Amino acid sequence: MAKSWITALSTVIALATAPAARAQELYTFTVSAIAGIGGSIDADPGDGFEDGAFQLGASMVTEPRTRVAVRAGRMGLGGGEEFASVTDADLSYLTVAGEYHFPEGSYSPWVYIGLGGYRLEGEDRAGGGAAEETALGANLGLVGEFTITRRVDLLVEFSGHWADFDDQQAFATGQAGLAFHF
């Protein structure tokens, strides 16, 4: 019940601040799709960055050069082989972050920091069968946004994720894709 109330209040506050921010920005909302590589920094075995990753995102301007964003992503881990105590591992996440932009004309670098939920799934090496672990975590990202048209940008993103799993906690991605503004 309290969680629903907090979500509703956050939505009302965000929507109330959007008109003022829009007067100073060219758009209010952005959606994005990016893909690349990712992996774990501290898994044994399974560390490395040769695994596929993708992410979908949506953000809304809240103040000039500031957005609130939601990201949902997934990355394979361990290259289909062993990853810590599982095989065929996948990491899924859903995060909420604050984004801070530094406009430079046709190029805009920005940084984001956020919190989220993370799920690690795979096949248990010891007993067979499915293994799943869920944890809270945090993320930090550096992004370069390059203008293609007034409504479409190329994104290049490097991000780090920390999740409170038992065997491994640190993950990273390097991805590129498109952002659409409206």
N, C-alpha and C. Protein backbone atom coordinates (compact mmCIF):
# COMPACT_ATOMS: atom_id res chain seq x y z
N MET A 1 0.83 -1.19 0.00
CA MET A 1 0.00 0.00 0.00
C MET A 1 0.87 1.25 0.00
N ALA A 2 1.87 1.31 0.88
CA ALA A 2 2.74 2.48 0.97
C ALA A 2 3.54 2.64 -0.31
N LYS A 3 3.94 1.53 -0.92
CA LYS A 3 4.72 1.59 -2.15
C LYS A 3 3.89 2.21 -3.28
N SER A 4 2.60 1.87 -3.37
CA SER A 4 1.72 2.44 -4.39
C SER A 4 1.54 3.93 -4.17
N TRP A 5 1.41 4.34 -2.93
CA TRP A 5 1.25 5.75 -2.60
C TRP A 5 2.49 6.53 -3.00
N ILE A 6 3.67 6.00 -2.72
CA ILE A 6 4.93 6.67 -3.06
C ILE A 6 5.07 6.77 -4.58
N THR A 7 4.72 5.70 -5.30
CA THR A 7 4.79 5.71 -6.76
C THR A 7 3.86 6.77 -7.33
N ALA A 8 2.64 6.82 -6.83
CA ALA A 8 1.67 7.80 -7.32
C ALA A 8 2.14 9.23 -7.05
N LEU A 9 2.66 9.48 -5.86
CA LEU A 9 3.16 10.81 -5.51
C LEU A 9 4.34 11.20 -6.40
N SER A 10 5.25 10.28 -6.64
CA SER A 10 6.41 10.55 -7.50
C SER A 10 5.97 10.90 -8.91
N THR A 11 4.99 10.18 -9.43
CA THR A 11 4.48 10.45 -10.78
C THR A 11 3.85 11.83 -10.86
N VAL A 12 3.05 12.19 -9.89
CA VAL A 12 2.41 13.52 -9.88
C VAL A 12 3.45 14.63 -9.83
N ILE A 13 4.47 14.47 -8.99
CA ILE A 13 5.52 15.49 -8.89
C ILE A 13 6.28 15.61 -10.20
N ALA A 14 6.61 14.48 -10.81
CA ALA A 14 7.34 14.51 -12.07
C ALA A 14 6.53 15.17 -13.17
N LEU A 15 5.25 14.83 -13.26
CA LEU A 15 4.40 15.43 -14.30
C LEU A 15 4.18 16.92 -14.05
N ALA A 16 4.10 17.33 -12.80
CA ALA A 16 3.90 18.74 -12.48
C ALA A 16 5.10 19.59 -12.85
N THR A 17 6.29 19.04 -12.78
CA THR A 17 7.50 19.80 -13.10
C THR A 17 7.84 19.77 -14.58
N ALA A 18 7.28 18.86 -15.35
CA ALA A 18 7.61 18.73 -16.77
C ALA A 18 7.27 19.97 -17.60
N PRO A 19 6.11 20.61 -17.46
CA PRO A 19 5.83 21.79 -18.29
C PRO A 19 6.85 22.90 -18.13
N ALA A 20 7.31 23.17 -16.91
CA ALA A 20 8.30 24.22 -16.70
C ALA A 20 9.63 23.84 -17.36
N ALA A 21 10.01 22.60 -17.27
CA ALA A 21 11.26 22.16 -17.88
C ALA A 21 11.16 22.19 -19.39
N ARG A 22 9.99 21.85 -19.94
CA ARG A 22 9.84 21.80 -21.38
C ARG A 22 10.07 23.17 -22.02
N ALA A 23 9.75 24.24 -21.33
CA ALA A 23 9.95 25.57 -21.88
C ALA A 23 11.42 25.84 -22.18
N GLN A 24 12.33 25.10 -21.53
CA GLN A 24 13.75 25.33 -21.73
C GLN A 24 14.43 24.17 -22.47
N GLU A 25 13.72 23.10 -22.78
CA GLU A 25 14.26 21.95 -23.49
C GLU A 25 13.52 21.78 -24.82
N LEU A 26 14.13 21.08 -25.77
CA LEU A 26 13.51 20.84 -27.06
C LEU A 26 12.52 19.69 -27.04
N TYR A 27 12.51 18.90 -25.98
CA TYR A 27 11.64 17.73 -25.87
C TYR A 27 11.38 17.46 -24.40
N THR A 28 10.38 16.62 -24.13
CA THR A 28 10.06 16.25 -22.75
C THR A 28 10.40 14.78 -22.47
N PHE A 29 10.16 13.91 -23.45
CA PHE A 29 10.35 12.48 -23.26
C PHE A 29 11.37 11.91 -24.24
N THR A 30 12.07 10.86 -23.82
CA THR A 30 13.02 10.14 -24.67
C THR A 30 12.84 8.65 -24.43
N VAL A 31 12.90 7.88 -25.51
CA VAL A 31 12.97 6.43 -25.41
C VAL A 31 14.24 6.00 -26.14
N SER A 32 14.85 4.91 -25.68
CA SER A 32 16.11 4.48 -26.29
C SER A 32 16.19 2.97 -26.34
N ALA A 33 16.99 2.48 -27.27
CA ALA A 33 17.30 1.06 -27.40
C ALA A 33 18.78 0.97 -27.74
N ILE A 34 19.54 0.23 -26.92
CA ILE A 34 20.97 0.09 -27.15
C ILE A 34 21.37 -1.37 -26.97
N ALA A 35 22.48 -1.75 -27.58
CA ALA A 35 23.00 -3.12 -27.46
C ALA A 35 24.52 -3.07 -27.50
N GLY A 36 25.15 -4.11 -26.97
CA GLY A 36 26.61 -4.15 -26.97
C GLY A 36 27.11 -5.36 -26.23
N ILE A 37 28.16 -5.15 -25.44
CA ILE A 37 28.76 -6.24 -24.68
C ILE A 37 28.76 -5.91 -23.20
N GLY A 38 28.85 -6.96 -22.38
CA GLY A 38 28.89 -6.78 -20.95
C GLY A 38 29.46 -8.00 -20.27
N GLY A 39 29.56 -7.93 -18.98
CA GLY A 39 30.06 -9.06 -18.22
C GLY A 39 30.29 -8.69 -16.77
N SER A 40 30.89 -9.64 -16.06
CA SER A 40 31.16 -9.47 -14.63
C SER A 40 32.64 -9.18 -14.41
N ILE A 41 32.91 -8.32 -13.46
CA ILE A 41 34.28 -7.97 -13.10
C ILE A 41 34.83 -8.96 -12.09
N ASP A 42 33.96 -9.54 -11.25
CA ASP A 42 34.45 -10.32 -10.12
C ASP A 42 33.97 -11.77 -10.04
N ALA A 43 33.37 -12.32 -11.10
CA ALA A 43 32.91 -13.71 -11.06
C ALA A 43 34.07 -14.66 -11.27
N ASP A 44 34.04 -15.79 -10.57
CA ASP A 44 35.09 -16.80 -10.74
C ASP A 44 34.44 -18.17 -10.71
N PRO A 45 34.38 -18.89 -11.83
CA PRO A 45 34.78 -18.47 -13.17
C PRO A 45 33.70 -17.61 -13.83
N GLY A 46 34.05 -17.01 -14.95
CA GLY A 46 33.07 -16.27 -15.74
C GLY A 46 33.32 -14.79 -15.87
N ASP A 47 34.45 -14.28 -15.33
CA ASP A 47 34.69 -12.85 -15.52
C ASP A 47 35.09 -12.61 -16.98
N GLY A 48 34.84 -11.43 -17.45
CA GLY A 48 35.13 -11.08 -18.84
C GLY A 48 33.99 -10.28 -19.43
N PHE A 49 34.24 -9.73 -20.61
CA PHE A 49 33.27 -8.81 -21.23
C PHE A 49 32.98 -9.17 -22.67
N GLU A 50 32.80 -10.45 -22.96
CA GLU A 50 32.50 -10.87 -24.32
C GLU A 50 31.05 -11.27 -24.50
N ASP A 51 30.21 -11.04 -23.52
CA ASP A 51 28.81 -11.47 -23.59
C ASP A 51 27.91 -10.37 -24.11
N GLY A 52 26.85 -10.75 -24.81
CA GLY A 52 25.90 -9.80 -25.37
C GLY A 52 25.05 -9.13 -24.31
N ALA A 53 24.69 -7.88 -24.56
CA ALA A 53 23.85 -7.11 -23.64
C ALA A 53 22.94 -6.20 -24.45
N PHE A 54 21.74 -5.95 -23.93
CA PHE A 54 20.86 -4.95 -24.53
C PHE A 54 20.07 -4.26 -23.44
N GLN A 55 19.57 -3.06 -23.77
CA GLN A 55 18.86 -2.25 -22.79
C GLN A 55 17.83 -1.38 -23.47
N LEU A 56 16.67 -1.25 -22.86
CA LEU A 56 15.64 -0.31 -23.29
C LEU A 56 15.50 0.74 -22.21
N GLY A 57 15.26 1.98 -22.61
CA GLY A 57 15.15 3.05 -21.63
C GLY A 57 14.07 4.06 -21.97
N ALA A 58 13.60 4.75 -20.96
CA ALA A 58 12.64 5.85 -21.13
C ALA A 58 12.99 6.91 -20.09
N SER A 59 12.95 8.17 -20.50
CA SER A 59 13.26 9.25 -19.57
C SER A 59 12.35 10.43 -19.80
N MET A 60 12.28 11.27 -18.78
CA MET A 60 11.46 12.48 -18.83
C MET A 60 12.26 13.64 -18.25
N VAL A 61 12.21 14.78 -18.92
CA VAL A 61 12.87 15.99 -18.44
C VAL A 61 12.16 16.47 -17.18
N THR A 62 12.93 16.75 -16.13
CA THR A 62 12.36 17.27 -14.89
C THR A 62 12.82 18.70 -14.60
N GLU A 63 14.00 19.05 -15.04
CA GLU A 63 14.58 20.38 -14.91
C GLU A 63 15.48 20.57 -16.13
N PRO A 64 15.90 21.78 -16.45
CA PRO A 64 16.84 21.93 -17.55
C PRO A 64 18.08 21.06 -17.32
N ARG A 65 18.46 20.30 -18.32
CA ARG A 65 19.63 19.41 -18.32
C ARG A 65 19.54 18.29 -17.29
N THR A 66 18.34 17.99 -16.81
CA THR A 66 18.15 16.92 -15.82
C THR A 66 16.94 16.08 -16.22
N ARG A 67 17.11 14.75 -16.15
CA ARG A 67 16.02 13.83 -16.46
C ARG A 67 15.93 12.76 -15.38
N VAL A 68 14.77 12.14 -15.27
CA VAL A 68 14.61 10.92 -14.51
C VAL A 68 14.39 9.81 -15.54
N ALA A 69 15.06 8.68 -15.35
CA ALA A 69 15.03 7.62 -16.37
C ALA A 69 14.78 6.26 -15.75
N VAL A 70 14.14 5.40 -16.53
CA VAL A 70 13.94 4.00 -16.19
C VAL A 70 14.65 3.19 -17.26
N ARG A 71 15.42 2.18 -16.84
CA ARG A 71 16.13 1.30 -17.78
C ARG A 71 15.84 -0.15 -17.45
N ALA A 72 15.59 -0.94 -18.49
CA ALA A 72 15.43 -2.39 -18.33
C ALA A 72 16.45 -3.03 -19.26
N GLY A 73 17.25 -3.93 -18.72
CA GLY A 73 18.30 -4.54 -19.52
C GLY A 73 18.51 -6.00 -19.20
N ARG A 74 19.29 -6.63 -20.08
CA ARG A 74 19.61 -8.05 -19.91
C ARG A 74 20.98 -8.29 -20.53
N MET A 75 21.78 -9.11 -19.87
CA MET A 75 23.05 -9.52 -20.45
C MET A 75 23.30 -10.99 -20.15
N GLY A 76 23.87 -11.67 -21.14
CA GLY A 76 24.30 -13.05 -20.93
C GLY A 76 25.61 -13.01 -20.15
N LEU A 77 25.87 -14.05 -19.38
CA LEU A 77 27.09 -14.09 -18.58
C LEU A 77 27.78 -15.44 -18.73
N GLY A 78 29.08 -15.44 -18.81
CA GLY A 78 29.84 -16.67 -18.89
C GLY A 78 29.92 -17.28 -20.27
N GLY A 79 29.43 -16.60 -21.29
CA GLY A 79 29.50 -17.11 -22.65
C GLY A 79 28.81 -18.46 -22.83
N GLY A 80 27.72 -18.72 -22.07
CA GLY A 80 27.02 -19.98 -22.16
C GLY A 80 27.70 -21.11 -21.39
N GLU A 81 28.81 -20.81 -20.75
CA GLU A 81 29.52 -21.82 -19.96
C GLU A 81 29.36 -21.51 -18.49
N GLU A 82 30.32 -21.87 -17.67
CA GLU A 82 30.23 -21.64 -16.23
C GLU A 82 30.32 -20.16 -15.90
N PHE A 83 29.47 -19.77 -14.97
CA PHE A 83 29.52 -18.42 -14.42
C PHE A 83 29.27 -18.55 -12.93
N ALA A 84 30.31 -18.37 -12.13
CA ALA A 84 30.24 -18.57 -10.68
C ALA A 84 29.67 -19.96 -10.40
N SER A 85 28.51 -20.06 -9.75
CA SER A 85 27.96 -21.37 -9.40
C SER A 85 26.88 -21.85 -10.37
N VAL A 86 26.71 -21.16 -11.52
CA VAL A 86 25.69 -21.56 -12.50
C VAL A 86 26.28 -21.64 -13.90
N THR A 87 25.51 -22.21 -14.83
CA THR A 87 25.85 -22.18 -16.24
C THR A 87 24.70 -21.51 -16.99
N ASP A 88 24.95 -21.10 -18.23
CA ASP A 88 23.94 -20.40 -19.03
C ASP A 88 23.30 -19.25 -18.25
N ALA A 89 24.12 -18.42 -17.63
CA ALA A 89 23.63 -17.35 -16.75
C ALA A 89 23.18 -16.14 -17.55
N ASP A 90 22.15 -15.48 -17.04
CA ASP A 90 21.65 -14.21 -17.57
C ASP A 90 21.40 -13.28 -16.40
N LEU A 91 21.73 -12.01 -16.59
CA LEU A 91 21.45 -10.98 -15.61
C LEU A 91 20.40 -10.04 -16.20
N SER A 92 19.30 -9.84 -15.48
CA SER A 92 18.26 -8.89 -15.88
C SER A 92 18.19 -7.80 -14.83
N TYR A 93 17.83 -6.59 -15.26
CA TYR A 93 17.73 -5.50 -14.29
C TYR A 93 16.68 -4.49 -14.70
N LEU A 94 16.18 -3.77 -13.72
CA LEU A 94 15.27 -2.65 -13.89
C LEU A 94 15.74 -1.57 -12.93
N THR A 95 16.12 -0.40 -13.47
CA THR A 95 16.68 0.66 -12.63
C THR A 95 15.95 1.98 -12.84
N VAL A 96 16.04 2.84 -11.85
CA VAL A 96 15.55 4.22 -11.92
C VAL A 96 16.74 5.10 -11.59
N ALA A 97 16.99 6.11 -12.44
CA ALA A 97 18.19 6.93 -12.27
C ALA A 97 17.91 8.40 -12.54
N GLY A 98 18.76 9.24 -11.98
CA GLY A 98 18.80 10.66 -12.31
C GLY A 98 19.89 10.87 -13.33
N GLU A 99 19.58 11.59 -14.42
CA GLU A 99 20.54 11.88 -15.49
C GLU A 99 20.88 13.37 -15.48
N TYR A 100 22.16 13.66 -15.68
CA TYR A 100 22.63 15.04 -15.66
C TYR A 100 23.42 15.32 -16.93
N HIS A 101 22.93 16.27 -17.74
CA HIS A 101 23.47 16.55 -19.07
C HIS A 101 24.37 17.78 -19.07
N PHE A 102 25.33 17.77 -20.00
CA PHE A 102 26.25 18.89 -20.18
C PHE A 102 26.30 19.21 -21.68
N PRO A 103 25.30 19.95 -22.22
CA PRO A 103 25.19 20.17 -23.66
C PRO A 103 26.41 20.85 -24.27
N GLU A 104 26.82 20.34 -25.42
CA GLU A 104 27.98 20.88 -26.15
C GLU A 104 27.66 21.03 -27.63
N GLY A 105 26.48 21.48 -28.00
CA GLY A 105 26.11 21.60 -29.41
C GLY A 105 25.59 20.28 -29.95
N SER A 106 26.28 19.73 -30.95
CA SER A 106 25.81 18.48 -31.56
C SER A 106 26.21 17.25 -30.73
N TYR A 107 26.96 17.46 -29.66
CA TYR A 107 27.38 16.37 -28.78
C TYR A 107 26.99 16.73 -27.35
N SER A 108 26.47 15.75 -26.63
CA SER A 108 26.06 16.01 -25.26
C SER A 108 26.53 14.88 -24.34
N PRO A 109 27.59 15.12 -23.56
CA PRO A 109 27.97 14.11 -22.57
C PRO A 109 27.06 14.20 -21.35
N TRP A 110 26.80 13.06 -20.73
CA TRP A 110 26.02 13.07 -19.51
C TRP A 110 26.37 11.90 -18.63
N VAL A 111 25.94 12.00 -17.40
CA VAL A 111 26.21 10.98 -16.39
C VAL A 111 24.88 10.65 -15.71
N TYR A 112 24.75 9.39 -15.27
CA TYR A 112 23.57 9.03 -14.49
C TYR A 112 23.97 8.15 -13.31
N ILE A 113 23.13 8.19 -12.30
CA ILE A 113 23.31 7.34 -11.11
C ILE A 113 21.92 6.91 -10.66
N GLY A 114 21.80 5.62 -10.29
CA GLY A 114 20.49 5.13 -9.93
C GLY A 114 20.50 3.89 -9.06
N LEU A 115 19.30 3.43 -8.74
CA LEU A 115 19.07 2.24 -7.94
C LEU A 115 18.18 1.29 -8.73
N GLY A 116 18.26 -0.01 -8.41
CA GLY A 116 17.42 -0.93 -9.14
C GLY A 116 17.36 -2.31 -8.55
N GLY A 117 16.61 -3.15 -9.24
CA GLY A 117 16.48 -4.55 -8.89
C GLY A 117 17.18 -5.39 -9.94
N TYR A 118 17.88 -6.44 -9.49
CA TYR A 118 18.68 -7.29 -10.37
C TYR A 118 18.30 -8.75 -10.14
N ARG A 119 18.27 -9.54 -11.23
CA ARG A 119 17.98 -10.97 -11.13
C ARG A 119 19.01 -11.74 -11.94
N LEU A 120 19.63 -12.71 -11.30
CA LEU A 120 20.60 -13.61 -11.93
C LEU A 120 19.94 -14.97 -12.06
N GLU A 121 19.88 -15.49 -13.30
CA GLU A 121 19.25 -16.78 -13.57
C GLU A 121 20.22 -17.68 -14.32
N GLY A 122 20.11 -18.96 -14.10
CA GLY A 122 20.93 -19.94 -14.80
C GLY A 122 20.60 -21.34 -14.36
N GLU A 123 21.44 -22.27 -14.74
CA GLU A 123 21.31 -23.67 -14.34
C GLU A 123 22.33 -23.95 -13.25
N ASP A 124 21.87 -24.51 -12.14
CA ASP A 124 22.75 -24.83 -11.01
C ASP A 124 23.78 -25.89 -11.42
N ARG A 125 25.07 -25.58 -11.25
CA ARG A 125 26.14 -26.52 -11.62
C ARG A 125 26.13 -27.74 -10.72
N ALA A 126 25.86 -27.56 -9.47
CA ALA A 126 25.97 -28.67 -8.51
C ALA A 126 24.81 -29.66 -8.62
N GLY A 127 23.59 -29.17 -8.63
CA GLY A 127 22.45 -30.08 -8.58
C GLY A 127 21.60 -30.10 -9.82
N GLY A 128 22.02 -29.43 -10.89
CA GLY A 128 21.14 -29.33 -12.05
C GLY A 128 19.95 -28.47 -11.70
N GLY A 129 19.02 -28.33 -12.57
CA GLY A 129 17.83 -27.53 -12.30
C GLY A 129 18.12 -26.04 -12.36
N ALA A 130 17.06 -25.28 -12.26
CA ALA A 130 17.16 -23.83 -12.37
C ALA A 130 17.67 -23.20 -11.08
N ALA A 131 18.45 -22.15 -11.22
CA ALA A 131 18.93 -21.36 -10.09
C ALA A 131 18.59 -19.91 -10.36
N GLU A 132 18.14 -19.22 -9.32
CA GLU A 132 17.75 -17.81 -9.47
C GLU A 132 18.10 -17.07 -8.19
N GLU A 133 18.60 -15.85 -8.35
CA GLU A 133 18.92 -15.01 -7.21
C GLU A 133 18.50 -13.58 -7.55
N THR A 134 17.87 -12.90 -6.62
CA THR A 134 17.40 -11.53 -6.82
C THR A 134 18.04 -10.64 -5.75
N ALA A 135 18.43 -9.43 -6.16
CA ALA A 135 19.07 -8.51 -5.22
C ALA A 135 18.82 -7.06 -5.62
N LEU A 136 18.95 -6.18 -4.64
CA LEU A 136 18.93 -4.75 -4.91
C LEU A 136 20.33 -4.32 -5.32
N GLY A 137 20.41 -3.21 -6.04
CA GLY A 137 21.72 -2.75 -6.47
C GLY A 137 21.71 -1.30 -6.89
N ALA A 138 22.81 -0.88 -7.49
CA ALA A 138 22.97 0.50 -7.94
C ALA A 138 23.71 0.51 -9.27
N ASN A 139 23.55 1.59 -10.00
CA ASN A 139 24.27 1.72 -11.27
C ASN A 139 24.77 3.14 -11.47
N LEU A 140 25.81 3.23 -12.30
CA LEU A 140 26.45 4.49 -12.64
C LEU A 140 26.81 4.40 -14.11
N GLY A 141 26.54 5.45 -14.88
CA GLY A 141 26.84 5.41 -16.30
C GLY A 141 27.37 6.71 -16.85
N LEU A 142 28.17 6.59 -17.89
CA LEU A 142 28.67 7.73 -18.66
C LEU A 142 28.17 7.56 -20.08
N VAL A 143 27.58 8.61 -20.63
CA VAL A 143 26.94 8.51 -21.94
C VAL A 143 27.37 9.67 -22.82
N GLY A 144 27.59 9.37 -24.09
CA GLY A 144 27.78 10.38 -25.11
C GLY A 144 26.57 10.33 -26.04
N GLU A 145 25.95 11.47 -26.26
CA GLU A 145 24.76 11.55 -27.11
C GLU A 145 25.11 12.44 -28.30
N PHE A 146 25.05 11.87 -29.51
CA PHE A 146 25.44 12.56 -30.73
C PHE A 146 24.20 12.81 -31.59
N THR A 147 23.97 14.06 -31.97
CA THR A 147 22.78 14.43 -32.73
C THR A 147 22.84 13.87 -34.15
N ILE A 148 21.78 13.17 -34.54
CA ILE A 148 21.60 12.72 -35.92
C ILE A 148 20.59 13.64 -36.60
N THR A 149 19.41 13.79 -35.97
CA THR A 149 18.39 14.76 -36.39
C THR A 149 17.89 15.43 -35.12
N ARG A 150 16.95 16.34 -35.26
CA ARG A 150 16.42 17.04 -34.09
C ARG A 150 15.77 16.07 -33.10
N ARG A 151 15.20 14.97 -33.58
CA ARG A 151 14.48 14.02 -32.74
C ARG A 151 15.20 12.68 -32.51
N VAL A 152 16.33 12.46 -33.18
CA VAL A 152 17.04 11.17 -33.07
C VAL A 152 18.52 11.42 -32.76
N ASP A 153 19.02 10.69 -31.77
CA ASP A 153 20.43 10.79 -31.39
C ASP A 153 21.06 9.40 -31.36
N LEU A 154 22.36 9.36 -31.59
CA LEU A 154 23.15 8.15 -31.39
C LEU A 154 23.65 8.17 -29.95
N LEU A 155 23.48 7.07 -29.22
CA LEU A 155 23.95 6.97 -27.84
C LEU A 155 25.12 6.00 -27.76
N VAL A 156 26.14 6.35 -27.00
CA VAL A 156 27.24 5.46 -26.65
C VAL A 156 27.32 5.48 -25.14
N GLU A 157 27.13 4.31 -24.51
CA GLU A 157 27.02 4.26 -23.05
C GLU A 157 27.97 3.23 -22.44
N PHE A 158 28.62 3.63 -21.37
CA PHE A 158 29.43 2.73 -20.55
C PHE A 158 28.82 2.79 -19.15
N SER A 159 28.47 1.61 -18.62
CA SER A 159 27.83 1.61 -17.31
C SER A 159 28.40 0.53 -16.41
N GLY A 160 28.34 0.81 -15.13
CA GLY A 160 28.72 -0.15 -14.11
C GLY A 160 27.53 -0.43 -13.23
N HIS A 161 27.40 -1.69 -12.81
CA HIS A 161 26.28 -2.11 -11.96
C HIS A 161 26.85 -2.85 -10.76
N TRP A 162 26.29 -2.59 -9.61
CA TRP A 162 26.62 -3.35 -8.41
C TRP A 162 25.33 -3.94 -7.88
N ALA A 163 25.32 -5.26 -7.65
CA ALA A 163 24.15 -5.94 -7.09
C ALA A 163 24.62 -6.84 -5.95
N ASP A 164 23.86 -6.93 -4.91
CA ASP A 164 24.24 -7.64 -3.70
C ASP A 164 23.96 -9.15 -3.81
N PHE A 165 24.58 -9.81 -4.81
CA PHE A 165 24.47 -11.26 -4.96
C PHE A 165 25.48 -11.95 -4.06
N ASP A 166 25.30 -13.25 -3.83
CA ASP A 166 26.19 -14.01 -2.96
C ASP A 166 27.61 -14.14 -3.50
N ASP A 167 27.76 -14.53 -4.79
CA ASP A 167 29.08 -14.86 -5.33
C ASP A 167 29.75 -13.75 -6.12
N GLN A 168 29.02 -12.86 -6.72
CA GLN A 168 29.58 -11.79 -7.54
C GLN A 168 28.70 -10.55 -7.39
N GLN A 169 29.32 -9.39 -7.49
CA GLN A 169 28.56 -8.16 -7.30
C GLN A 169 28.76 -7.12 -8.39
N ALA A 170 29.85 -7.15 -9.12
CA ALA A 170 30.19 -6.06 -10.05
C ALA A 170 30.02 -6.49 -11.51
N PHE A 171 29.33 -5.66 -12.28
CA PHE A 171 29.05 -5.91 -13.69
C PHE A 171 29.29 -4.62 -14.46
N ALA A 172 29.58 -4.74 -15.75
CA ALA A 172 29.79 -3.56 -16.59
C ALA A 172 29.31 -3.83 -18.00
N THR A 173 28.94 -2.77 -18.71
CA THR A 173 28.53 -2.88 -20.11
C THR A 173 29.10 -1.73 -20.93
N GLY A 174 29.26 -1.97 -22.21
CA GLY A 174 29.57 -0.96 -23.20
C GLY A 174 28.58 -1.16 -24.34
N GLN A 175 27.74 -0.15 -24.61
CA GLN A 175 26.66 -0.33 -25.57
C GLN A 175 26.47 0.92 -26.43
N ALA A 176 25.82 0.73 -27.57
CA ALA A 176 25.50 1.85 -28.46
C ALA A 176 24.12 1.59 -29.07
N GLY A 177 23.45 2.68 -29.44
CA GLY A 177 22.12 2.55 -30.03
C GLY A 177 21.54 3.90 -30.32
N LEU A 178 20.20 3.96 -30.37
CA LEU A 178 19.50 5.18 -30.75
C LEU A 178 18.58 5.67 -29.64
N ALA A 179 18.42 6.98 -29.58
CA ALA A 179 17.46 7.63 -28.68
C ALA A 179 16.49 8.44 -29.53
N PHE A 180 15.22 8.38 -29.19
CA PHE A 180 14.17 9.10 -29.91
C PHE A 180 13.50 10.07 -28.94
N HIS A 181 13.48 11.36 -29.31
CA HIS A 181 12.93 12.41 -28.44
C HIS A 181 11.57 12.85 -28.93
N PHE A 182 10.66 13.10 -28.00
CA PHE A 182 9.36 13.66 -28.35
C PHE A 182 8.81 14.46 -27.19
